[in-house]
């Protein structure tokens, strides 16, 4: 669920508007019950066919040497007492 959560955030209103059009009224449990699986499906499809292929190129443009860890650099403004 965490991998598609941003897609859920982006697409929840599109799914809600589609559900409202299908159901025929703006609010209610039925709108929620239709919106939830719809937005999860939309976010999964977006991640699977759009985000995931793009993320494969991430390391190609920002390579790190093997064995390098994410370590914060030592600040040059630090003073010792």
PDB file of N, CA and C in Angstrom:
ATOM      1  N   UNK A   1       0.826  -1.186   0.000  1.00  0.00           N
ATOM      2  CA  UNK A   1       0.000   0.000   0.000  1.00  0.00           C
ATOM      3  C   UNK A   1       0.872   1.252   0.000  1.00  0.00           C
ATOM      4  N   UNK A   2       2.034   1.205   0.649  1.00  0.00           N
ATOM      5  CA  UNK A   2       2.887   2.386   0.723  1.00  0.00           C
ATOM      6  C   UNK A   2       3.429   2.820  -0.621  1.00  0.00           C
ATOM      7  N   UNK A   3       3.631   1.866  -1.527  1.00  0.00           N
ATOM      8  CA  UNK A   3       4.187   2.232  -2.824  1.00  0.00           C
ATOM      9  C   UNK A   3       3.184   2.963  -3.700  1.00  0.00           C
ATOM     10  N   UNK A   4       1.910   2.772  -3.464  1.00  0.00           N
ATOM     11  CA  UNK A   4       0.908   3.452  -4.291  1.00  0.00           C
ATOM     12  C   UNK A   4       0.198   4.580  -3.541  1.00  0.00           C
ATOM     13  N   UNK A   5       0.642   4.887  -2.332  1.00  0.00           N
ATOM     14  CA  UNK A   5      -0.074   5.887  -1.531  1.00  0.00           C
ATOM     15  C   UNK A   5      -0.050   7.272  -2.163  1.00  0.00           C
ATOM     16  N   UNK A   6       1.033   7.640  -2.834  1.00  0.00           N
ATOM     17  CA  UNK A   6       1.075   8.951  -3.483  1.00  0.00           C
ATOM     18  C   UNK A   6       0.082   8.989  -4.643  1.00  0.00           C
ATOM     19  N   UNK A   7      -0.023   7.877  -5.366  1.00  0.00           N
ATOM     20  CA  UNK A   7      -1.007   7.802  -6.439  1.00  0.00           C
ATOM     21  C   UNK A   7      -2.429   7.905  -5.919  1.00  0.00           C
ATOM     22  N   UNK A   8      -2.672   7.307  -4.755  1.00  0.00           N
ATOM     23  CA  UNK A   8      -3.994   7.425  -4.131  1.00  0.00           C
ATOM     24  C   UNK A   8      -4.279   8.887  -3.800  1.00  0.00           C
ATOM     25  N   UNK A   9      -3.271   9.564  -3.253  1.00  0.00           N
ATOM     26  CA  UNK A   9      -3.418  10.984  -2.923  1.00  0.00           C
ATOM     27  C   UNK A   9      -3.730  11.803  -4.180  1.00  0.00           C
ATOM     28  N   UNK A  10      -3.020  11.508  -5.269  1.00  0.00           N
ATOM     29  CA  UNK A  10      -3.213  12.289  -6.489  1.00  0.00           C
ATOM     30  C   UNK A  10      -4.553  12.022  -7.170  1.00  0.00           C
ATOM     31  N   UNK A  11      -5.027  10.794  -7.111  1.00  0.00           N
ATOM     32  CA  UNK A  11      -6.180  10.418  -7.917  1.00  0.00           C
ATOM     33  C   UNK A  11      -7.491  10.245  -7.167  1.00  0.00           C
ATOM     34  N   UNK A  12      -7.491  10.514  -5.870  1.00  0.00           N
ATOM     35  CA  UNK A  12      -8.712  10.235  -5.123  1.00  0.00           C
ATOM     36  C   UNK A  12      -9.898  11.077  -5.575  1.00  0.00           C
ATOM     37  N   UNK A  13      -9.667  12.293  -5.979  1.00  0.00           N
ATOM     38  CA  UNK A  13     -10.790  13.124  -6.414  1.00  0.00           C
ATOM     39  C   UNK A  13     -11.305  12.708  -7.787  1.00  0.00           C
ATOM     40  N   UNK A  14     -10.408  12.238  -8.672  1.00  0.00           N
ATOM     41  CA  UNK A  14     -10.872  11.730  -9.963  1.00  0.00           C
ATOM     42  C   UNK A  14     -11.771  10.513  -9.763  1.00  0.00           C
ATOM     43  N   UNK A  15     -11.337   9.618  -8.872  1.00  0.00           N
ATOM     44  CA  UNK A  15     -12.137   8.428  -8.583  1.00  0.00           C
ATOM     45  C   UNK A  15     -13.456   8.804  -7.909  1.00  0.00           C
ATOM     46  N   UNK A  16     -13.422   9.763  -6.996  1.00  0.00           N
ATOM     47  CA  UNK A  16     -14.650  10.187  -6.311  1.00  0.00           C
ATOM     48  C   UNK A  16     -15.626  10.824  -7.297  1.00  0.00           C
ATOM     49  N   UNK A  17     -15.118  11.640  -8.203  1.00  0.00           N
ATOM     50  CA  UNK A  17     -16.009  12.260  -9.193  1.00  0.00           C
ATOM     51  C   UNK A  17     -16.603  11.214 -10.131  1.00  0.00           C
ATOM     52  N   UNK A  18     -15.824  10.215 -10.499  1.00  0.00           N
ATOM     53  CA  UNK A  18     -16.348   9.131 -11.343  1.00  0.00           C
ATOM     54  C   UNK A  18     -17.409   8.336 -10.588  1.00  0.00           C
ATOM     55  N   UNK A  19     -17.156   8.065  -9.320  1.00  0.00           N
ATOM     56  CA  UNK A  19     -18.128   7.328  -8.505  1.00  0.00           C
ATOM     57  C   UNK A  19     -19.419   8.130  -8.349  1.00  0.00           C
ATOM     58  N   UNK A  20     -19.291   9.434  -8.147  1.00  0.00           N
ATOM     59  CA  UNK A  20     -20.481  10.280  -8.023  1.00  0.00           C
ATOM     60  C   UNK A  20     -21.306  10.264  -9.302  1.00  0.00           C
ATOM     61  N   UNK A  21     -20.626  10.252 -10.450  1.00  0.00           N
ATOM     62  CA  UNK A  21     -21.337  10.221 -11.728  1.00  0.00           C
ATOM     63  C   UNK A  21     -22.075   8.895 -11.916  1.00  0.00           C
ATOM     64  N   UNK A  22     -21.470   7.808 -11.464  1.00  0.00           N
ATOM     65  CA  UNK A  22     -22.100   6.497 -11.602  1.00  0.00           C
ATOM     66  C   UNK A  22     -23.292   6.361 -10.659  1.00  0.00           C
ATOM     67  N   UNK A  23     -23.083   6.774  -9.398  1.00  0.00           N
ATOM     68  CA  UNK A  23     -24.123   6.600  -8.378  1.00  0.00           C
ATOM     69  C   UNK A  23     -25.258   7.602  -8.575  1.00  0.00           C
ATOM     70  N   UNK A  24     -24.924   8.818  -8.953  1.00  0.00           N
ATOM     71  CA  UNK A  24     -25.962   9.805  -9.219  1.00  0.00           C
ATOM     72  C   UNK A  24     -26.213  10.796  -8.102  1.00  0.00           C
ATOM     73  N   UNK A  25     -25.465  10.711  -7.006  1.00  0.00           N
ATOM     74  CA  UNK A  25     -25.578  11.719  -5.953  1.00  0.00           C
ATOM     75  C   UNK A  25     -24.185  11.967  -5.369  1.00  0.00           C
ATOM     76  N   UNK A  26     -23.991  13.135  -4.715  1.00  0.00           N
ATOM     77  CA  UNK A  26     -22.649  13.556  -4.349  1.00  0.00           C
ATOM     78  C   UNK A  26     -22.026  12.897  -3.128  1.00  0.00           C
ATOM     79  N   UNK A  27     -22.806  12.400  -2.184  1.00  0.00           N
ATOM     80  CA  UNK A  27     -22.223  11.836  -0.970  1.00  0.00           C
ATOM     81  C   UNK A  27     -22.989  10.603  -0.539  1.00  0.00           C
ATOM     82  N   UNK A  28     -22.301   9.819   0.311  1.00  0.00           N
ATOM     83  CA  UNK A  28     -22.941   8.641   0.861  1.00  0.00           C
ATOM     84  C   UNK A  28     -21.962   7.485   0.962  1.00  0.00           C
ATOM     85  N   UNK A  29     -22.403   6.471   1.675  1.00  0.00           N
ATOM     86  CA  UNK A  29     -21.567   5.293   1.867  1.00  0.00           C
ATOM     87  C   UNK A  29     -21.311   4.601   0.535  1.00  0.00           C
ATOM     88  N   UNK A  30     -22.304   4.580  -0.335  1.00  0.00           N
ATOM     89  CA  UNK A  30     -22.133   3.934  -1.628  1.00  0.00           C
ATOM     90  C   UNK A  30     -21.077   4.633  -2.479  1.00  0.00           C
ATOM     91  N   UNK A  31     -20.980   5.955  -2.389  1.00  0.00           N
ATOM     92  CA  UNK A  31     -19.932   6.693  -3.103  1.00  0.00           C
ATOM     93  C   UNK A  31     -18.560   6.298  -2.544  1.00  0.00           C
ATOM     94  N   UNK A  32     -18.461   6.228  -1.231  1.00  0.00           N
ATOM     95  CA  UNK A  32     -17.201   5.832  -0.596  1.00  0.00           C
ATOM     96  C   UNK A  32     -16.809   4.408  -0.987  1.00  0.00           C
ATOM     97  N   UNK A  33     -17.778   3.490  -0.949  1.00  0.00           N
ATOM     98  CA  UNK A  33     -17.491   2.089  -1.252  1.00  0.00           C
ATOM     99  C   UNK A  33     -17.119   1.872  -2.716  1.00  0.00           C
ATOM    100  N   UNK A  34     -17.564   2.730  -3.596  1.00  0.00           N
ATOM    101  CA  UNK A  34     -17.162   2.654  -4.996  1.00  0.00           C
ATOM    102  C   UNK A  34     -15.837   3.368  -5.231  1.00  0.00           C
ATOM    103  N   UNK A  35     -15.623   4.480  -4.541  1.00  0.00           N
ATOM    104  CA  UNK A  35     -14.404   5.259  -4.716  1.00  0.00           C
ATOM    105  C   UNK A  35     -13.167   4.502  -4.238  1.00  0.00           C
ATOM    106  N   UNK A  36     -13.262   3.821  -3.107  1.00  0.00           N
ATOM    107  CA  UNK A  36     -12.086   3.188  -2.505  1.00  0.00           C
ATOM    108  C   UNK A  36     -11.432   2.159  -3.425  1.00  0.00           C
ATOM    109  N   UNK A  37     -12.128   1.151  -3.918  1.00  0.00           N
ATOM    110  CA  UNK A  37     -11.440   0.206  -4.807  1.00  0.00           C
ATOM    111  C   UNK A  37     -11.044   0.829  -6.139  1.00  0.00           C
ATOM    112  N   UNK A  38     -11.825   1.803  -6.590  1.00  0.00           N
ATOM    113  CA  UNK A  38     -11.501   2.467  -7.855  1.00  0.00           C
ATOM    114  C   UNK A  38     -10.190   3.230  -7.757  1.00  0.00           C
ATOM    115  N   UNK A  39     -10.006   3.985  -6.693  1.00  0.00           N
ATOM    116  CA  UNK A  39      -8.777   4.766  -6.556  1.00  0.00           C
ATOM    117  C   UNK A  39      -7.575   3.847  -6.313  1.00  0.00           C
ATOM    118  N   UNK A  40      -7.758   2.752  -5.595  1.00  0.00           N
ATOM    119  CA  UNK A  40      -6.648   1.812  -5.391  1.00  0.00           C
ATOM    120  C   UNK A  40      -6.240   1.200  -6.729  1.00  0.00           C
ATOM    121  N   UNK A  41      -7.211   0.826  -7.547  1.00  0.00           N
ATOM    122  CA  UNK A  41      -6.902   0.268  -8.866  1.00  0.00           C
ATOM    123  C   UNK A  41      -6.213   1.293  -9.756  1.00  0.00           C
ATOM    124  N   UNK A  42      -6.690   2.526  -9.739  1.00  0.00           N
ATOM    125  CA  UNK A  42      -6.073   3.571 -10.547  1.00  0.00           C
ATOM    126  C   UNK A  42      -4.640   3.836 -10.112  1.00  0.00           C
ATOM    127  N   UNK A  43      -4.400   3.886  -8.812  1.00  0.00           N
ATOM    128  CA  UNK A  43      -3.062   4.138  -8.305  1.00  0.00           C
ATOM    129  C   UNK A  43      -2.120   2.981  -8.624  1.00  0.00           C
ATOM    130  N   UNK A  44      -2.625   1.750  -8.545  1.00  0.00           N
ATOM    131  CA  UNK A  44      -1.789   0.599  -8.881  1.00  0.00           C
ATOM    132  C   UNK A  44      -1.394   0.625 -10.359  1.00  0.00           C
ATOM    133  N   UNK A  45      -2.349   0.883 -11.227  1.00  0.00           N
ATOM    134  CA  UNK A  45      -2.059   0.937 -12.662  1.00  0.00           C
ATOM    135  C   UNK A  45      -1.067   2.054 -12.965  1.00  0.00           C
ATOM    136  N   UNK A  46      -1.239   3.194 -12.331  1.00  0.00           N
ATOM    137  CA  UNK A  46      -0.310   4.305 -12.509  1.00  0.00           C
ATOM    138  C   UNK A  46       1.095   3.929 -12.052  1.00  0.00           C
ATOM    139  N   UNK A  47       1.195   3.279 -10.903  1.00  0.00           N
ATOM    140  CA  UNK A  47       2.514   2.882 -10.402  1.00  0.00           C
ATOM    141  C   UNK A  47       3.139   1.829 -11.306  1.00  0.00           C
ATOM    142  N   UNK A  48       2.355   0.852 -11.682  1.00  0.00           N
ATOM    143  CA  UNK A  48       2.882  -0.284 -12.449  1.00  0.00           C
ATOM    144  C   UNK A  48       3.341   0.122 -13.839  1.00  0.00           C
ATOM    145  N   UNK A  49       2.580   0.956 -14.532  1.00  0.00           N
ATOM    146  CA  UNK A  49       2.870   1.258 -15.925  1.00  0.00           C
ATOM    147  C   UNK A  49       3.460   2.642 -16.168  1.00  0.00           C
ATOM    148  N   UNK A  50       3.479   3.512 -15.166  1.00  0.00           N
ATOM    149  CA  UNK A  50       4.017   4.856 -15.359  1.00  0.00           C
ATOM    150  C   UNK A  50       5.196   5.133 -14.438  1.00  0.00           C
ATOM    151  N   UNK A  51       4.976   5.048 -13.128  1.00  0.00           N
ATOM    152  CA  UNK A  51       6.032   5.390 -12.178  1.00  0.00           C
ATOM    153  C   UNK A  51       7.172   4.384 -12.161  1.00  0.00           C
ATOM    154  N   UNK A  52       6.847   3.111 -12.123  1.00  0.00           N
ATOM    155  CA  UNK A  52       7.863   2.069 -12.010  1.00  0.00           C
ATOM    156  C   UNK A  52       8.860   2.088 -13.170  1.00  0.00           C
ATOM    157  N   UNK A  53       8.431   2.196 -14.431  1.00  0.00           N
ATOM    158  CA  UNK A  53       9.416   2.274 -15.513  1.00  0.00           C
ATOM    159  C   UNK A  53      10.311   3.510 -15.419  1.00  0.00           C
ATOM    160  N   UNK A  54       9.752   4.609 -14.969  1.00  0.00           N
ATOM    161  CA  UNK A  54      10.553   5.823 -14.839  1.00  0.00           C
ATOM    162  C   UNK A  54      11.562   5.685 -13.699  1.00  0.00           C
ATOM    163  N   UNK A  55      11.157   5.069 -12.598  1.00  0.00           N
ATOM    164  CA  UNK A  55      12.055   4.908 -11.455  1.00  0.00           C
ATOM    165  C   UNK A  55      13.242   4.001 -11.768  1.00  0.00           C
ATOM    166  N   UNK A  56      13.123   3.128 -12.781  1.00  0.00           N
ATOM    167  CA  UNK A  56      14.254   2.284 -13.165  1.00  0.00           C
ATOM    168  C   UNK A  56      15.422   3.104 -13.694  1.00  0.00           C
ATOM    169  N   UNK A  57      15.139   4.286 -14.212  1.00  0.00           N
ATOM    170  CA  UNK A  57      16.193   5.135 -14.760  1.00  0.00           C
ATOM    171  C   UNK A  57      16.825   6.046 -13.715  1.00  0.00           C
ATOM    172  N   UNK A  58      16.335   6.008 -12.502  1.00  0.00           N
ATOM    173  CA  UNK A  58      16.800   6.920 -11.457  1.00  0.00           C
ATOM    174  C   UNK A  58      18.307   6.812 -11.230  1.00  0.00           C
ATOM    175  N   UNK A  59      18.800   5.607 -11.057  1.00  0.00           N
ATOM    176  CA  UNK A  59      20.220   5.421 -10.761  1.00  0.00           C
ATOM    177  C   UNK A  59      21.099   5.661 -11.983  1.00  0.00           C
ATOM    178  N   UNK A  60      20.545   5.586 -13.154  1.00  0.00           N
ATOM    179  CA  UNK A  60      21.337   5.824 -14.357  1.00  0.00           C
ATOM    180  C   UNK A  60      21.827   7.272 -14.415  1.00  0.00           C
ATOM    181  N   UNK A  61      21.030   8.207 -13.927  1.00  0.00           N
ATOM    182  CA  UNK A  61      21.390   9.614 -14.004  1.00  0.00           C
ATOM    183  C   UNK A  61      22.009  10.148 -12.718  1.00  0.00           C
ATOM    184  N   UNK A  62      22.005   9.381 -11.662  1.00  0.00           N
ATOM    185  CA  UNK A  62      22.590   9.795 -10.393  1.00  0.00           C
ATOM    186  C   UNK A  62      23.336   8.599  -9.783  1.00  0.00           C
ATOM    187  N   UNK A  63      24.429   8.165 -10.432  1.00  0.00           N
ATOM    188  CA  UNK A  63      25.118   6.973  -9.938  1.00  0.00           C
ATOM    189  C   UNK A  63      25.915   7.244  -8.669  1.00  0.00           C
ATOM    190  N   UNK A  64      25.985   6.226  -7.834  1.00  0.00           N
ATOM    191  CA  UNK A  64      26.824   6.279  -6.633  1.00  0.00           C
ATOM    192  C   UNK A  64      27.837   5.157  -6.727  1.00  0.00           C
ATOM    193  N   UNK A  65      29.047   5.397  -6.263  1.00  0.00           N
ATOM    194  CA  UNK A  65      30.025   4.306  -6.248  1.00  0.00           C
ATOM    195  C   UNK A  65      29.541   3.165  -5.359  1.00  0.00           C
ATOM    196  N   UNK A  66      29.912   1.951  -5.707  1.00  0.00           N
ATOM    197  CA  UNK A  66      29.500   0.787  -4.922  1.00  0.00           C
ATOM    198  C   UNK A  66      30.026   0.895  -3.503  1.00  0.00           C
ATOM    199  N   UNK A  67      29.209   0.547  -2.544  1.00  0.00           N
ATOM    200  CA  UNK A  67      29.607   0.576  -1.141  1.00  0.00           C
ATOM    201  C   UNK A  67      29.420   1.919  -0.463  1.00  0.00           C
ATOM    202  N   UNK A  68      28.980   2.926  -1.191  1.00  0.00           N
ATOM    203  CA  UNK A  68      28.759   4.244  -0.596  1.00  0.00           C
ATOM    204  C   UNK A  68      27.434   4.248   0.142  1.00  0.00           C
ATOM    205  N   UNK A  69      27.464   4.726   1.367  1.00  0.00           N
ATOM    206  CA  UNK A  69      26.241   4.801   2.163  1.00  0.00           C
ATOM    207  C   UNK A  69      25.731   6.222   2.187  1.00  0.00           C
ATOM    208  N   UNK A  70      24.485   6.372   2.569  1.00  0.00           N
ATOM    209  CA  UNK A  70      23.912   7.708   2.729  1.00  0.00           C
ATOM    210  C   UNK A  70      24.368   8.275   4.058  1.00  0.00           C
ATOM    211  N   UNK A  71      25.468   8.977   4.053  1.00  0.00           N
ATOM    212  CA  UNK A  71      26.034   9.557   5.250  1.00  0.00           C
ATOM    213  C   UNK A  71      26.070  11.067   5.077  1.00  0.00           C
ATOM    214  N   UNK A  72      25.610  11.785   6.049  1.00  0.00           N
ATOM    215  CA  UNK A  72      25.630  13.245   5.978  1.00  0.00           C
ATOM    216  C   UNK A  72      27.069  13.745   6.026  1.00  0.00           C
ATOM    217  N   UNK A  73      27.386  14.743   5.241  1.00  0.00           N
ATOM    218  CA  UNK A  73      28.746  15.273   5.259  1.00  0.00           C
ATOM    219  C   UNK A  73      29.038  15.977   6.582  1.00  0.00           C
ATOM    220  N   UNK A  74      30.302  16.002   6.922  1.00  0.00           N
ATOM    221  CA  UNK A  74      30.727  16.688   8.138  1.00  0.00           C
ATOM    222  C   UNK A  74      30.684  18.179   7.871  1.00  0.00           C
ATOM    223  N   UNK A  75      30.044  18.900   8.753  1.00  0.00           N
ATOM    224  CA  UNK A  75      29.892  20.342   8.578  1.00  0.00           C
ATOM    225  C   UNK A  75      31.227  21.041   8.857  1.00  0.00           C
ATOM    226  N   UNK A  76      31.560  21.991   7.989  1.00  0.00           N
ATOM    227  CA  UNK A  76      32.796  22.731   8.193  1.00  0.00           C
ATOM    228  C   UNK A  76      32.601  23.880   9.170  1.00  0.00           C
ATOM    229  N   UNK A  77      31.359  24.157   9.552  1.00  0.00           N
ATOM    230  CA  UNK A  77      31.098  25.262  10.473  1.00  0.00           C
ATOM    231  C   UNK A  77      31.035  24.786  11.926  1.00  0.00           C
ATOM    232  N   UNK A  78      31.188  23.485  12.134  1.00  0.00           N
ATOM    233  CA  UNK A  78      31.121  22.958  13.503  1.00  0.00           C
ATOM    234  C   UNK A  78      32.375  23.391  14.262  1.00  0.00           C
ATOM    235  N   UNK A  79      32.185  23.779  15.495  1.00  0.00           N
ATOM    236  CA  UNK A  79      33.320  24.182  16.327  1.00  0.00           C
ATOM    237  C   UNK A  79      33.414  23.257  17.525  1.00  0.00           C
ATOM    238  N   UNK A  80      34.611  23.067  17.973  1.00  0.00           N
ATOM    239  CA  UNK A  80      34.801  22.233  19.162  1.00  0.00           C
ATOM    240  C   UNK A  80      35.197  23.116  20.333  1.00  0.00           C
ATOM    241  N   UNK A  81      34.739  22.782  21.497  1.00  0.00           N
ATOM    242  CA  UNK A  81      35.014  23.614  22.662  1.00  0.00           C
ATOM    243  C   UNK A  81      36.140  23.052  23.470  1.00  0.00           C
TER     244      UNK A  81
END
